[in-house]
Protein backbone atom coordinates (compact mmCIF):
# COMPACT_ATOMS: atom_id res chain seq x y z
CA MET A 1 12.93 18.60 6.85
CA SER A 2 16.46 19.00 5.61
CA GLY A 3 18.86 18.40 2.78
CA PHE A 4 18.85 15.81 0.03
CA HIS A 5 17.39 12.43 0.82
CA LYS A 6 16.47 9.17 -0.82
CA ASP A 7 12.70 9.32 -1.18
CA VAL A 8 9.70 8.17 -3.17
CA ILE A 9 7.40 10.23 -5.34
CA LEU A 10 3.69 9.87 -4.66
CA LYS A 11 1.59 9.37 -7.77
CA ASP A 12 -1.32 11.71 -8.43
CA ASP A 13 -3.74 8.75 -8.43
CA ALA A 14 -2.41 7.21 -5.19
CA PRO A 15 -5.08 6.21 -2.64
CA SER A 16 -6.19 9.15 -0.53
CA GLN A 17 -8.97 7.64 1.58
CA LEU A 18 -8.93 4.92 4.22
CA TYR A 19 -10.33 1.58 2.99
CA LEU A 20 -11.65 0.25 6.30
CA VAL A 21 -13.63 -2.74 5.00
CA LYS A 22 -10.88 -3.85 2.62
CA HIS A 23 -8.31 -3.75 5.39
CA ARG A 24 -10.56 -5.90 7.55
CA ASP A 25 -11.04 -8.37 4.71
CA PHE A 26 -7.29 -8.43 4.01
CA ILE A 27 -6.47 -9.29 7.62
CA LEU A 28 -9.20 -11.92 7.88
CA GLY A 29 -8.20 -13.46 4.57
CA TYR A 30 -4.54 -13.59 5.58
CA ALA A 31 -5.40 -15.28 8.86
CA LYS A 32 -7.62 -17.89 7.20
CA ASN A 33 -5.42 -18.79 4.24
CA GLN A 34 -2.99 -21.03 6.11
CA ASN A 35 -1.79 -22.74 2.94
CA SER A 36 -0.43 -19.58 1.34
CA TYR A 37 3.31 -19.19 0.76
CA GLU A 38 3.40 -16.08 2.92
CA TYR A 39 1.68 -17.84 5.83
CA VAL A 40 3.86 -20.95 5.68
CA MET A 41 7.09 -18.96 5.42
CA SER A 42 6.19 -16.75 8.38
CA GLU A 43 6.17 -19.57 10.95
CA TRP A 44 9.29 -18.11 12.60
CA LEU A 45 7.28 -15.04 13.69
CA ARG A 46 3.75 -16.49 13.85
CA THR A 47 2.94 -15.28 17.39
CA SER A 48 3.83 -11.72 16.45
CA GLY A 49 1.85 -12.10 13.24
CA VAL A 50 -1.25 -13.04 15.22
CA TYR A 51 -0.67 -9.98 17.42
CA TRP A 52 -0.40 -7.72 14.34
CA CYS A 53 -3.62 -9.11 12.85
CA LEU A 54 -5.62 -9.02 16.08
CA THR A 55 -4.51 -5.50 16.99
CA ALA A 56 -5.27 -4.25 13.48
CA LEU A 57 -8.80 -5.63 13.76
CA LYS A 58 -9.20 -4.05 17.20
CA LEU A 59 -8.18 -0.65 15.77
CA LEU A 60 -10.67 -1.23 12.95
CA ASN A 61 -13.32 -1.87 15.64
CA ASP A 62 -13.80 -5.36 14.25
CA GLY A 63 -13.74 -8.65 16.18
CA HIS A 64 -14.13 -11.47 13.67
CA LEU A 65 -11.22 -13.66 14.83
CA LYS A 66 -12.34 -16.52 17.11
CA GLU A 67 -10.89 -15.81 20.52
CA ASP A 68 -10.96 -19.45 21.67
CA ASP A 69 -8.85 -20.40 18.66
CA LEU A 70 -6.46 -17.54 19.41
CA PHE A 71 -6.10 -18.74 23.00
CA LYS A 72 -5.39 -22.31 21.89
CA PHE A 73 -2.75 -21.11 19.45
CA VAL A 74 -1.02 -18.87 21.97
CA MET A 75 -0.92 -21.61 24.59
CA SER A 76 0.48 -24.06 22.01
CA CYS A 77 3.49 -21.70 21.83
CA TYR A 78 3.97 -21.71 25.60
CA ASN A 79 6.98 -23.49 27.05
CA GLU A 80 5.71 -24.77 30.37
CA GLU A 81 9.17 -25.70 31.58
CA LYS A 82 10.76 -22.31 30.96
CA GLY A 83 7.72 -20.04 31.23
CA GLY A 84 8.10 -18.10 27.98
CA PHE A 85 6.42 -18.19 24.58
CA GLY A 86 7.92 -19.05 21.22
CA ALA A 87 7.23 -17.84 17.70
CA SER A 88 5.12 -20.91 16.98
CA GLU A 89 4.44 -24.37 18.35
CA ASN A 90 7.64 -26.25 19.29
CA HIS A 91 9.79 -23.10 18.94
CA ASP A 92 12.09 -22.01 21.75
CA PRO A 93 10.75 -19.20 23.95
CA HIS A 94 11.93 -15.63 23.34
CA LEU A 95 11.11 -12.24 24.86
CA LEU A 96 9.83 -10.89 21.53
CA TYR A 97 7.16 -13.57 21.27
CA THR A 98 6.46 -13.62 24.98
CA LEU A 99 5.38 -9.97 24.76
CA SER A 100 3.25 -10.68 21.68
CA ALA A 101 1.59 -13.60 23.46
CA ILE A 102 0.83 -11.54 26.56
CA GLN A 103 -0.56 -8.73 24.40
CA ILE A 104 -2.85 -11.22 22.63
CA LEU A 105 -4.03 -12.72 25.92
CA ALA A 106 -4.74 -9.22 27.24
CA MET A 107 -6.82 -8.36 24.16
CA ILE A 108 -8.92 -11.53 24.49
CA ASN A 109 -9.23 -11.17 28.28
CA ARG A 110 -7.39 -14.42 29.07
CA LEU A 111 -4.46 -13.17 31.17
CA ASP A 112 -5.79 -15.02 34.19
CA ASP A 113 -5.55 -18.30 32.30
CA VAL A 114 -1.75 -18.29 32.10
CA ASP A 115 0.71 -19.03 34.90
CA LYS A 116 1.82 -15.45 35.50
CA ASP A 117 4.47 -16.43 38.03
CA LYS A 118 6.21 -18.65 35.49
CA VAL A 119 6.08 -16.00 32.76
CA VAL A 120 7.45 -13.37 35.14
CA SER A 121 10.20 -15.72 36.28
CA TYR A 122 11.19 -16.36 32.65
CA VAL A 123 11.43 -12.64 31.91
CA VAL A 124 13.27 -11.70 35.09
CA THR A 125 15.81 -14.52 34.68
CA LEU A 126 16.91 -12.97 31.37
CA GLN A 127 18.04 -9.72 33.02
CA GLN A 128 21.82 -9.38 33.27
CA THR A 129 24.02 -7.74 35.91
CA ASP A 130 24.44 -4.59 33.76
CA GLY A 131 20.64 -4.20 33.57
CA SER A 132 20.29 -5.40 29.98
CA PHE A 133 18.08 -8.31 28.95
CA TRP A 134 18.92 -11.28 26.81
CA GLY A 135 16.30 -12.07 24.21
CA ASP A 136 16.51 -15.75 25.11
CA GLU A 137 18.91 -18.22 26.67
CA TRP A 138 21.44 -17.74 23.85
CA GLY A 139 22.55 -14.34 25.07
CA GLU A 140 21.75 -11.70 22.42
CA VAL A 141 21.42 -8.24 23.99
CA ASP A 142 19.30 -5.49 22.42
CA THR A 143 17.28 -2.56 23.74
CA ARG A 144 14.28 -4.18 22.06
CA PHE A 145 14.46 -6.84 24.74
CA THR A 146 14.49 -4.27 27.55
CA PHE A 147 11.24 -2.85 26.16
CA CYS A 148 9.74 -6.33 25.72
CA ALA A 149 10.62 -7.25 29.28
CA PHE A 150 9.29 -4.01 30.78
CA ALA A 151 6.11 -4.16 28.68
CA THR A 152 5.40 -7.80 29.50
CA LEU A 153 5.92 -7.23 33.21
CA THR A 154 3.83 -4.07 33.35
CA ILE A 155 0.89 -5.75 31.57
CA LEU A 156 1.14 -8.50 34.19
CA ASP A 157 1.42 -5.85 36.95
CA ARG A 158 4.81 -7.25 37.99
CA LEU A 159 7.31 -4.62 36.79
CA SER A 160 8.88 -4.39 40.26
CA ASP A 161 10.00 -8.02 39.99
CA CYS A 162 12.90 -6.94 37.75
CA ASP A 163 15.60 -4.38 38.55
CA VAL A 164 13.98 -1.39 36.87
CA ASN A 165 16.74 1.08 37.75
CA LYS A 166 19.44 -1.14 36.28
CA GLY A 167 17.31 -1.59 33.17
CA VAL A 168 16.96 2.17 32.83
CA HIS A 169 20.71 2.62 33.33
CA PHE A 170 21.41 0.23 30.44
CA VAL A 171 18.98 2.09 28.19
CA LEU A 172 20.69 5.39 28.93
CA ARG A 173 24.07 3.87 28.07
CA CYS A 174 22.66 3.25 24.56
CA LYS A 175 22.04 6.95 23.98
CA ASN A 176 24.18 8.61 21.30
CA PHE A 177 25.53 12.12 20.78
CA ASP A 178 22.55 12.95 18.53
CA GLY A 179 20.08 12.28 21.37
CA ALA A 180 18.76 9.06 19.82
CA PHE A 181 19.39 5.43 20.78
CA GLY A 182 20.93 2.25 19.38
CA CYS A 183 20.52 -1.44 20.19
CA VAL A 184 23.59 -1.61 22.45
CA PRO A 185 26.04 1.02 23.75
CA GLY A 186 27.94 2.56 20.85
CA SER A 187 25.64 1.28 18.09
CA GLU A 188 23.99 3.42 15.43
CA SER A 189 20.90 5.45 16.27
CA HIS A 190 17.73 3.90 14.81
CA ALA A 191 14.10 4.92 15.13
CA GLY A 192 12.98 1.43 16.10
CA GLN A 193 15.46 1.41 18.97
CA VAL A 194 14.39 4.94 19.93
CA PHE A 195 10.83 3.71 20.34
CA CYS A 196 11.97 0.79 22.48
CA CYS A 197 14.09 3.00 24.72
CA VAL A 198 11.51 5.78 25.04
CA GLY A 199 8.80 3.16 25.66
CA ALA A 200 10.90 1.50 28.38
CA LEU A 201 11.52 4.88 30.04
CA SER A 202 7.80 5.66 29.85
CA ILE A 203 6.93 2.38 31.56
CA ALA A 204 9.59 3.08 34.23
CA HIS A 205 8.37 6.69 34.65
CA LYS A 206 11.86 8.00 33.83
CA LEU A 207 11.18 10.26 30.84
CA HIS A 208 12.74 13.18 32.74
CA LEU A 209 16.11 11.59 31.97
CA LEU A 210 15.68 12.39 28.26
CA ASP A 211 16.76 15.52 26.42
CA VAL A 212 13.30 15.72 24.88
CA ASP A 213 13.94 18.51 22.36
CA GLN A 214 17.19 17.03 21.07
CA LEU A 215 15.55 13.64 20.62
CA ALA A 216 12.48 15.20 18.99
CA TRP A 217 14.72 17.06 16.54
CA TRP A 218 16.38 13.78 15.49
CA LEU A 219 12.99 12.08 15.12
CA CYS A 220 11.54 14.92 13.04
CA GLU A 221 14.58 14.76 10.75
CA ARG A 222 13.24 11.36 9.75
CA GLN A 223 10.45 13.02 7.73
CA LEU A 224 11.14 13.27 4.00
CA PRO A 225 9.61 15.54 1.34
CA SER A 226 7.11 12.78 0.46
CA GLY A 227 5.78 13.06 4.01
CA GLY A 228 6.94 9.57 4.93
CA LEU A 229 9.31 8.74 7.76
CA ASN A 230 12.52 6.73 7.64
CA GLY A 231 14.36 4.89 10.39
CA ARG A 232 17.76 6.53 10.01
CA PRO A 233 19.48 9.04 7.71
CA GLU A 234 19.65 8.38 3.97
CA LYS A 235 17.07 5.58 3.98
CA LEU A 236 13.77 5.39 2.12
CA PRO A 237 10.55 6.12 4.01
CA ASP A 238 8.62 3.17 5.38
CA VAL A 239 5.07 3.03 6.75
CA CYS A 240 6.20 1.16 9.86
CA TYR A 241 8.08 4.27 11.00
CA SER A 242 4.72 5.99 11.06
CA TRP A 243 4.56 4.02 14.30
CA TRP A 244 8.12 3.91 15.65
CA VAL A 245 8.81 7.62 15.04
CA LEU A 246 5.34 8.99 15.62
CA ALA A 247 4.69 6.97 18.79
CA SER A 248 8.02 8.15 20.20
CA LEU A 249 7.06 11.76 19.47
CA LYS A 250 3.63 11.16 21.00
CA ILE A 251 5.19 9.85 24.22
CA ILE A 252 7.47 12.89 24.51
CA GLY A 253 4.79 15.37 23.48
CA ARG A 254 6.26 16.59 20.19
CA THR A 255 4.03 15.25 17.39
CA HIS A 256 3.19 18.85 16.47
CA TRP A 257 6.76 19.24 15.20
CA LEU A 258 5.91 16.97 12.24
CA ASP A 259 4.07 17.84 9.04
CA LYS A 260 1.05 15.69 9.88
CA PRO A 261 -1.00 16.23 6.68
CA SER A 262 1.88 15.08 4.47
CA LEU A 263 2.48 12.02 6.69
CA ILE A 264 -1.20 11.08 6.45
CA LYS A 265 -0.98 11.43 2.67
CA PHE A 266 2.04 9.10 2.55
CA ILE A 267 0.40 6.46 4.76
CA LEU A 268 -2.82 6.46 2.74
CA ALA A 269 -0.85 6.26 -0.52
CA SER A 270 0.73 3.02 0.74
CA GLN A 271 -2.60 1.15 0.74
CA ASP A 272 -3.63 -1.37 -1.89
CA GLU A 273 -7.04 -0.07 -2.90
CA GLU A 274 -7.98 -3.40 -4.52
CA THR A 275 -6.94 -6.01 -1.93
CA GLY A 276 -6.68 -3.87 1.18
CA GLY A 277 -3.63 -3.78 3.43
CA PHE A 278 -0.65 -1.45 3.67
CA ALA A 279 2.81 -1.85 2.17
CA ASP A 280 6.09 -0.39 3.38
CA ARG A 281 5.74 2.30 0.71
CA PRO A 282 3.45 3.01 -2.26
CA GLY A 283 3.46 0.32 -4.93
CA ASP A 284 5.00 -2.49 -2.84
CA MET A 285 3.35 -5.67 -1.58
CA VAL A 286 1.07 -5.35 1.43
CA ASP A 287 1.46 -7.39 4.62
CA PRO A 288 -0.04 -7.55 8.14
CA PHE A 289 3.00 -5.91 9.80
CA HIS A 290 2.74 -2.70 7.79
CA THR A 291 -1.05 -2.85 7.89
CA LEU A 292 -1.05 -2.70 11.68
CA PHE A 293 1.49 0.09 11.89
CA GLY A 294 -0.16 2.08 9.11
CA LEU A 295 -3.46 1.91 10.99
CA ALA A 296 -1.76 2.62 14.32
CA GLY A 297 -0.02 5.66 12.84
CA LEU A 298 -3.31 6.99 11.50
CA SER A 299 -4.88 6.40 14.91
CA LEU A 300 -2.13 8.45 16.57
CA LEU A 301 -2.78 11.14 13.96
CA GLY A 302 -6.40 11.31 15.11
CA ASP A 303 -8.33 9.38 12.45
CA GLN A 304 -11.82 9.14 13.91
CA HIS A 305 -12.65 5.94 12.02
CA LEU A 306 -10.16 4.01 14.13
CA ALA A 307 -10.02 3.09 17.79
CA LYS A 308 -7.53 5.09 19.83
CA VAL A 309 -4.18 3.34 20.22
CA ASN A 310 -1.83 3.56 23.18
CA PRO A 311 1.56 4.94 21.98
CA VAL A 312 3.65 2.84 24.37
CA LEU A 313 2.15 -0.66 24.15
CA CYS A 314 0.44 -0.50 20.73
CA LEU A 315 -2.76 -1.81 22.25
CA PRO A 316 -6.22 -0.22 22.18
CA GLN A 317 -6.22 2.65 24.67
CA SER A 318 -9.50 1.36 26.09
CA LEU A 319 -7.75 -1.90 27.08
CA VAL A 320 -4.82 -0.06 28.67
CA ASP A 321 -7.31 1.98 30.68
CA HIS A 322 -9.23 -1.16 31.67
CA LEU A 323 -6.03 -2.80 32.91
CA GLY A 324 -5.27 0.33 34.93
CA LEU A 325 -1.80 0.74 33.42
CA LYS A 326 -0.14 4.07 34.23
CA LEU A 327 2.35 4.97 31.51
CA GLU A 328 4.23 8.25 31.58
CA THR A 329 4.03 10.77 28.74
CA VAL A 330 5.28 14.33 28.33
CA SER A 331 2.72 17.06 27.74
CA SER A 332 2.92 18.91 24.42
CA SER A 333 4.71 22.25 24.26
CA SER A 334 5.10 24.71 21.44
């Protein structure tokens, strides 16, 4: 860890144990309270919100959400004409929410109840001649969408339907001098984009095209004295980067370059010990997004109370194994 950074100071009385039952109750309460301000105002990302809540419960080894209701909701977001899924009912389809929907259907074992050909056609149609993917019909390009496309197709066992090599070529064009990646060629390196690019290369079995040690150095520079991780230089730490940074390091076999005990301390300090849930950093408001990625980070760090998470797809590893998905990782080296 280097230099002078913006950071937070952990209080001596900050939470230091994992509140499993309270996190379960927080997620279940959030899902049931559909009249709350937070629920109503999150309609624009509802499908992803359901994915965050369901995955968090799966990592907590808890299954209280009604799977038939989840299926009905997901299918209400499906655009039968175009083949993709939207953020909520009557929303336009988008790759971000199409991946979330397919992840949900995989977790509730309902993949065979969707028209896979139509979903695949929707995804593949969004690939451009330079290998990039639009997020939707309106033409925004971002390496997030390459990951979403690759992940959706690999879960459906149809990755070869897109031009994988062109997709990989676009990802590599987004690499910067520091070894990390941005959202488009020439854009600033960001840990969220690094995860998307490394994840896409893992799915494509092209990790050998990375300078692993240079990238790992940049990722490890994201750790601050508090133990938390940020997304880019001179930013505050955020629990969600306990996923984006740590999962990237897990895929390339370099998690041992981090100070794991101090990262665990930061993640645990970001819990609300009264209501359950995780915030972006200690003392802030909790939400399902940070709750999932706090739990997923702790799972990657080996917490035995949690189910093992797959570092590429952020799904239970047991499900990835059941689906027979072969995702490339780099073995650890000292």
